[in-house]
Protein backbone atom coordinates (compact mmCIF):
# COMPACT_ATOMS: atom_id res chain seq x y z
CA UNK A 1 -8.68 -19.45 -22.94
CA UNK A 2 -12.40 -20.59 -22.76
CA UNK A 3 -14.46 -18.20 -24.62
CA UNK A 4 -18.02 -16.43 -22.63
CA UNK A 5 -20.09 -13.16 -22.80
CA UNK A 6 -22.27 -11.52 -19.73
CA UNK A 7 -25.65 -11.87 -20.18
CA UNK A 8 -26.67 -8.71 -18.09
CA UNK A 9 -25.56 -6.61 -21.89
CA UNK A 10 -28.67 -8.10 -23.20
CA UNK A 11 -30.71 -6.92 -20.19
CA UNK A 12 -29.48 -3.57 -18.54
CA UNK A 13 -29.12 -0.65 -19.64
CA UNK A 14 -30.28 0.23 -22.82
CA UNK A 15 -31.86 -3.06 -22.41
CA UNK A 16 -33.95 -2.74 -20.16
CA UNK A 17 -37.15 -1.94 -21.72
CA UNK A 18 -36.07 -4.31 -24.64
CA UNK A 19 -34.09 -7.25 -23.14
CA UNK A 20 -32.79 -10.04 -25.10
CA UNK A 21 -35.04 -13.10 -24.02
CA UNK A 22 -32.50 -15.92 -22.57
CA UNK A 23 -33.37 -18.51 -24.78
CA UNK A 24 -32.35 -16.10 -27.59
CA UNK A 25 -29.13 -15.25 -26.14
CA UNK A 26 -28.59 -18.76 -25.52
CA UNK A 27 -29.04 -19.67 -28.80
CA UNK A 28 -27.38 -16.91 -30.51
CA UNK A 29 -24.54 -17.70 -28.21
CA UNK A 30 -24.42 -21.05 -29.11
CA UNK A 31 -24.37 -20.46 -33.16
CA UNK A 32 -21.99 -18.11 -32.49
CA UNK A 33 -19.46 -21.13 -30.79
CA UNK A 34 -18.81 -19.44 -27.58
CA UNK A 35 -18.24 -21.42 -24.72
CA UNK A 36 -19.78 -20.28 -22.41
CA UNK A 37 -22.54 -17.79 -21.16
CA UNK A 38 -21.78 -15.47 -17.87
CA UNK A 39 -25.10 -15.15 -15.84
CA UNK A 40 -26.46 -11.54 -15.53
CA UNK A 41 -29.30 -12.41 -12.74
CA UNK A 42 -30.91 -10.07 -13.80
CA UNK A 43 -34.29 -10.15 -14.84
CA UNK A 44 -35.90 -11.65 -16.96
CA UNK A 45 -33.20 -13.94 -17.34
CA UNK A 46 -32.44 -15.74 -14.35
CA UNK A 47 -32.99 -15.55 -10.73
CA UNK A 48 -33.03 -17.47 -7.44
CA UNK A 49 -36.55 -15.82 -7.31
CA UNK A 50 -37.43 -17.24 -11.00
CA UNK A 51 -36.01 -20.74 -10.19
CA UNK A 52 -36.68 -21.13 -6.71
CA UNK A 53 -36.52 -25.16 -6.24
CA UNK A 54 -32.70 -27.53 -6.77
CA UNK A 55 -35.35 -29.46 -9.61
CA UNK A 56 -36.10 -25.90 -11.39
CA UNK A 57 -32.31 -25.30 -11.23
CA UNK A 58 -32.10 -28.28 -13.16
CA UNK A 59 -34.22 -27.95 -15.42
CA UNK A 60 -32.37 -24.83 -15.82
CA UNK A 61 -28.76 -25.83 -15.56
CA UNK A 62 -30.27 -28.67 -18.13
CA UNK A 63 -31.60 -25.90 -20.61
CA UNK A 64 -28.39 -24.16 -20.87
CA UNK A 65 -26.36 -27.04 -21.54
CA UNK A 66 -28.47 -28.40 -23.91
CA UNK A 67 -27.24 -25.38 -25.87
CA UNK A 68 -24.16 -26.82 -25.86
CA UNK A 69 -22.71 -24.17 -22.91
CA UNK A 70 -21.86 -23.64 -19.77
CA UNK A 71 -21.57 -20.52 -16.80
CA UNK A 72 -18.38 -18.74 -16.78
CA UNK A 73 -19.79 -17.24 -13.87
CA UNK A 74 -22.75 -15.26 -11.84
CA UNK A 75 -23.18 -11.78 -11.84
CA UNK A 76 -25.86 -11.43 -8.66
CA UNK A 77 -28.29 -8.73 -8.31
CA UNK A 78 -26.73 -6.79 -5.30
CA UNK A 79 -27.78 -3.35 -6.61
CA UNK A 80 -31.37 -3.35 -4.08
CA UNK A 81 -28.59 -3.39 -1.26
CA UNK A 82 -27.51 -1.00 1.12
CA UNK A 83 -23.94 -1.70 2.09
CA UNK A 84 -21.81 1.26 2.70
CA UNK A 85 -24.82 3.44 3.70
CA UNK A 86 -25.85 1.21 6.51
CA UNK A 87 -24.89 0.00 9.72
CA UNK A 88 -26.50 -3.16 9.16
CA UNK A 89 -25.67 -5.56 6.56
CA UNK A 90 -27.36 -8.84 6.83
CA UNK A 91 -30.16 -7.52 4.61
CA UNK A 92 -27.18 -7.67 1.94
CA UNK A 93 -25.07 -10.36 3.18
CA UNK A 94 -29.20 -12.71 3.00
CA UNK A 95 -28.62 -11.63 -0.54
CA UNK A 96 -25.17 -12.77 -1.17
CA UNK A 97 -26.24 -16.12 0.36
CA UNK A 98 -29.20 -16.69 -1.18
CA UNK A 99 -26.82 -16.31 -4.87
CA UNK A 100 -24.10 -18.83 -3.64
CA UNK A 101 -26.49 -21.56 -3.09
CA UNK A 102 -27.54 -20.53 -6.32
CA UNK A 103 -25.00 -20.39 -7.50
CA UNK A 104 -23.64 -23.80 -6.63
CA UNK A 105 -27.34 -25.29 -7.06
CA UNK A 106 -26.37 -24.31 -11.24
CA UNK A 107 -22.58 -25.76 -10.75
CA UNK A 108 -21.49 -22.27 -10.73
CA UNK A 109 -17.61 -21.34 -9.45
CA UNK A 110 -17.08 -17.77 -9.44
CA UNK A 111 -19.49 -14.54 -7.79
CA UNK A 112 -19.03 -11.11 -8.28
CA UNK A 113 -18.95 -8.44 -6.42
CA UNK A 114 -19.52 -4.68 -6.66
CA UNK A 115 -19.41 -1.55 -3.93
CA UNK A 116 -23.11 -1.09 -4.50
CA UNK A 117 -23.19 3.06 -4.21
CA UNK A 118 -21.51 4.96 -6.32
CA UNK A 119 -18.51 7.75 -5.59
CA UNK A 120 -20.95 10.87 -4.53
CA UNK A 121 -21.50 8.40 -1.42
CA UNK A 122 -19.07 9.75 0.72
CA UNK A 123 -21.70 12.91 1.12
CA UNK A 124 -23.30 10.59 2.83
CA UNK A 125 -20.49 8.25 4.60
CA UNK A 126 -17.51 9.38 5.84
CA UNK A 127 -14.63 7.40 4.03
CA UNK A 128 -13.45 5.11 6.60
CA UNK A 129 -16.56 4.05 7.79
CA UNK A 130 -17.88 3.23 4.29
CA UNK A 131 -14.41 1.27 4.26
CA UNK A 132 -14.88 -0.36 7.23
CA UNK A 133 -18.56 -1.58 6.70
CA UNK A 134 -17.23 -2.45 3.10
CA UNK A 135 -14.63 -4.57 4.30
CA UNK A 136 -16.16 -6.23 7.33
CA UNK A 137 -18.19 -7.51 5.38
CA UNK A 138 -16.99 -8.44 2.21
CA UNK A 139 -15.27 -10.63 5.27
CA UNK A 140 -18.47 -12.52 6.39
CA UNK A 141 -19.85 -12.90 2.66
CA UNK A 142 -15.74 -14.70 1.91
CA UNK A 143 -15.88 -16.76 4.47
CA UNK A 144 -19.91 -17.07 3.07
CA UNK A 145 -18.72 -17.67 -0.13
CA UNK A 146 -15.66 -20.52 1.09
CA UNK A 147 -18.32 -22.74 2.53
CA UNK A 148 -20.07 -23.89 -0.76
CA UNK A 149 -16.86 -24.20 -2.31
CA UNK A 150 -16.92 -20.82 -4.93
CA UNK A 151 -14.14 -17.83 -5.39
CA UNK A 152 -15.66 -14.32 -4.94
CA UNK A 153 -14.49 -11.67 -8.07
CA UNK A 154 -14.76 -8.24 -6.84
CA UNK A 155 -15.06 -5.90 -10.05
CA UNK A 156 -14.12 -2.13 -9.47
CA UNK A 157 -15.51 0.52 -11.52
CA UNK A 158 -15.69 4.77 -11.88
CA UNK A 159 -19.21 4.04 -11.10
CA UNK A 160 -18.89 2.65 -7.90
CA UNK A 161 -17.37 4.04 -4.23
CA UNK A 162 -13.54 3.37 -3.52
CA UNK A 163 -12.70 3.04 -7.50
CA UNK A 164 -8.66 4.65 -7.27
CA UNK A 165 -5.52 1.87 -7.42
CA UNK A 166 -4.76 2.44 -4.17
CA UNK A 167 -7.92 2.36 -2.54
CA UNK A 168 -8.25 -1.18 -3.94
CA UNK A 169 -5.05 -2.71 -2.77
CA UNK A 170 -5.69 -1.58 0.10
CA UNK A 171 -9.60 -3.24 0.47
CA UNK A 172 -7.52 -6.07 -1.42
CA UNK A 173 -5.22 -6.83 1.74
CA UNK A 174 -7.92 -5.86 4.03
CA UNK A 175 -9.31 -9.52 2.84
CA UNK A 176 -6.96 -11.85 2.59
CA UNK A 177 -9.26 -14.86 2.28
CA UNK A 178 -8.13 -17.30 -0.38
CA UNK A 179 -11.18 -17.55 -2.44
CA UNK A 180 -11.48 -13.35 -2.34
CA UNK A 181 -10.27 -11.65 -5.42
CA UNK A 182 -10.50 -8.95 -8.49
CA UNK A 183 -11.95 -9.58 -11.19
CA UNK A 184 -9.92 -7.29 -13.46
CA UNK A 185 -11.70 -5.83 -16.65
CA UNK A 186 -9.96 -3.98 -19.03
CA UNK A 187 -12.53 -1.09 -20.14
CA UNK A 188 -12.92 -0.53 -16.56
CA UNK A 189 -8.72 -0.82 -15.56
CA UNK A 190 -8.50 2.02 -18.21
CA UNK A 191 -10.94 4.27 -16.65
CA UNK A 192 -9.73 3.97 -13.02
CA UNK A 193 -6.32 3.67 -13.33
CA UNK A 194 -5.50 5.84 -17.50
CA UNK A 195 -8.55 8.14 -17.29
CA UNK A 196 -9.29 8.11 -13.15
CA UNK A 197 -12.78 9.26 -13.93
CA UNK A 198 -15.24 9.70 -10.92
CA UNK A 199 -12.40 9.33 -8.68
CA UNK A 200 -12.32 11.30 -5.36
CA UNK A 201 -10.03 14.09 -4.81
CA UNK A 202 -6.43 14.52 -6.24
CA UNK A 203 -6.42 11.71 -9.41
CA UNK A 204 -4.27 8.73 -8.96
CA UNK A 205 -3.40 7.67 -12.84
CA UNK A 206 -0.79 5.94 -14.89
CA UNK A 207 1.07 5.84 -18.37
CA UNK A 208 -1.05 2.20 -19.03
CA UNK A 209 -3.07 0.27 -17.43
CA UNK A 210 -0.61 -2.35 -17.23
CA UNK A 211 0.99 -0.75 -14.16
CA UNK A 212 -2.42 -1.04 -12.90
CA UNK A 213 -2.58 -4.10 -14.01
CA UNK A 214 1.09 -5.86 -11.80
CA UNK A 215 -0.65 -4.11 -8.70
CA UNK A 216 -3.40 -6.31 -8.71
CA UNK A 217 -2.20 -8.86 -10.40
CA UNK A 218 -1.50 -11.28 -7.82
CA UNK A 219 -4.93 -11.72 -6.17
CA UNK A 220 -7.10 -11.53 -10.32
CA UNK A 221 -8.68 -14.54 -9.97
CA UNK A 222 -11.77 -13.93 -13.20
CA UNK A 223 -11.55 -11.34 -16.09
CA UNK A 224 -13.40 -9.32 -18.59
CA UNK A 225 -11.84 -8.92 -21.81
CA UNK A 226 -13.40 -5.50 -24.28
CA UNK A 227 -11.62 -2.67 -25.37
CA UNK A 228 -12.43 0.85 -24.17
CA UNK A 229 -12.41 4.11 -25.74
CA UNK A 230 -11.30 6.14 -22.61
CA UNK A 231 -14.77 7.40 -22.38
CA UNK A 232 -17.78 6.68 -19.95
CA UNK A 233 -21.63 5.58 -20.53
CA UNK A 234 -24.05 8.48 -19.10
CA UNK A 235 -26.47 8.38 -17.27
CA UNK A 236 -29.92 10.67 -18.26
CA UNK A 237 -28.81 13.42 -16.81
CA UNK A 238 -25.69 13.49 -19.25
CA UNK A 239 -23.29 12.72 -16.70
CA UNK A 240 -20.48 10.42 -16.26
CA UNK A 241 -21.77 6.89 -15.01
CA UNK A 242 -19.03 4.16 -15.73
CA UNK A 243 -17.20 2.73 -18.69
CA UNK A 244 -18.84 2.45 -21.85
CA UNK A 245 -17.25 -0.53 -22.84
CA UNK A 246 -17.31 -0.14 -27.04
CA UNK A 247 -16.88 -3.82 -28.67
CA UNK A 248 -12.96 -4.58 -30.12
CA UNK A 249 -11.77 -2.53 -33.11
CA UNK A 250 -13.90 0.74 -31.11
CA UNK A 251 -12.02 1.32 -28.55
CA UNK A 252 -7.74 2.49 -28.40
CA UNK A 253 -7.19 -0.61 -26.07
CA UNK A 254 -3.52 -2.31 -27.39
CA UNK A 255 -4.49 -5.87 -26.46
CA UNK A 256 -0.83 -6.77 -27.66
CA UNK A 257 0.56 -5.09 -24.92
CA UNK A 258 -2.15 -5.95 -22.18
CA UNK A 259 -2.71 -9.70 -22.55
CA UNK A 260 1.03 -11.27 -22.42
CA UNK A 261 1.01 -9.01 -18.58
CA UNK A 262 -2.28 -10.48 -17.75
CA UNK A 263 -1.12 -14.31 -18.85
CA UNK A 264 1.90 -13.44 -16.46
CA UNK A 265 -1.09 -13.41 -13.69
CA UNK A 266 -4.24 -15.36 -15.27
CA UNK A 267 -2.70 -18.47 -16.87
CA UNK A 268 -3.86 -20.09 -20.15
CA UNK A 269 -7.13 -21.60 -18.12
CA UNK A 270 -10.79 -20.60 -17.09
CA UNK A 271 -12.15 -18.40 -19.10
CA UNK A 272 -12.12 -14.34 -21.54
CA UNK A 273 -15.38 -12.85 -20.81
CA UNK A 274 -16.42 -10.73 -22.77
CA UNK A 275 -18.76 -7.50 -21.44
CA UNK A 276 -21.01 -4.92 -23.24
CA UNK A 277 -22.65 -3.28 -20.51
CA UNK A 278 -24.71 -0.33 -21.38
CA UNK A 279 -23.37 -0.77 -25.17
CA UNK A 280 -26.46 0.25 -27.39
CA UNK A 281 -25.29 -2.50 -29.78
CA UNK A 282 -24.13 -4.91 -27.59
CA UNK A 283 -26.29 -7.58 -29.59
CA UNK A 284 -25.17 -6.98 -32.97
CA UNK A 285 -21.51 -6.51 -31.53
CA UNK A 286 -21.85 -10.10 -29.86
CA UNK A 287 -20.00 -12.06 -33.22
CA UNK A 288 -17.67 -8.90 -33.48
CA UNK A 289 -16.95 -9.64 -30.23
CA UNK A 290 -15.89 -13.36 -30.30
CA UNK A 291 -13.40 -13.54 -34.07
CA UNK A 292 -11.51 -11.10 -31.41
CA UNK A 293 -11.61 -13.50 -29.09
CA UNK A 294 -10.80 -16.66 -31.38
CA UNK A 295 -8.00 -14.01 -32.83
CA UNK A 296 -6.64 -14.06 -28.91
CA UNK A 297 -6.35 -17.35 -28.60
CA UNK A 298 -4.61 -18.30 -31.61
CA UNK A 299 -2.13 -16.18 -31.29
CA UNK A 300 -1.89 -16.51 -27.65
CA UNK A 301 -2.15 -20.50 -27.26
CA UNK A 302 0.75 -21.97 -25.91
């Protein structure tokens, strides 16, 4: 598997007030031997608005390739939009299309999405209405992405609505588009399916995340690989927000169980992307992650 890491780890969360500039990120990833970066399109890292023309985007690609790096995917900044809490998704859809255009111009083949609003949204919008809005909007987005030859990868998290395994399966079944799939993040999977953090109603959990992996396996089209300590990152008020994403070795995941099961559904081609989102020492952990993934590659490469 080719190795990548999400640049959002160095621009949001603990790094929001002091982000690592994009060129410095590229330099470090190249020096460590990463094959690619996964673009977190959040300021001050490249966004469609910072690079509005095809020429400016060609120059951006030239710069990234100049470091010897490719781009494994894009996490579009859709967090400022309404999705579940509006009956007019036109602004969300327009922003999604803008990011599809950006992705294609950068030579990216997949775009990440989430449900935008937190699990508490059901206090404002009833469950059935929120689900109908989500499915109908994402069907439109999947069709738009298909126009551009892009995959859409849904990353379910405890910090966003529809985070129970059964809910995830229902939504995936309702959007059967071939280019719409599931982004399997090993840390989120642990918190979603084993811990059951921030689930509404009765918790739905399993003894091991591989049970959840088997459920979503046929729909996996992208992978984020990182450890978990069964805890959530805390918000400013000290409440659980989303998965903590500790570096490899600081968690409890058994990758010798998870990876072989994962490879049954996601063949040994494509990307393993590290996700250090919200880890306060993500910059220092970057090398640790590369070394660990190199070890997995050595062990599991056919």
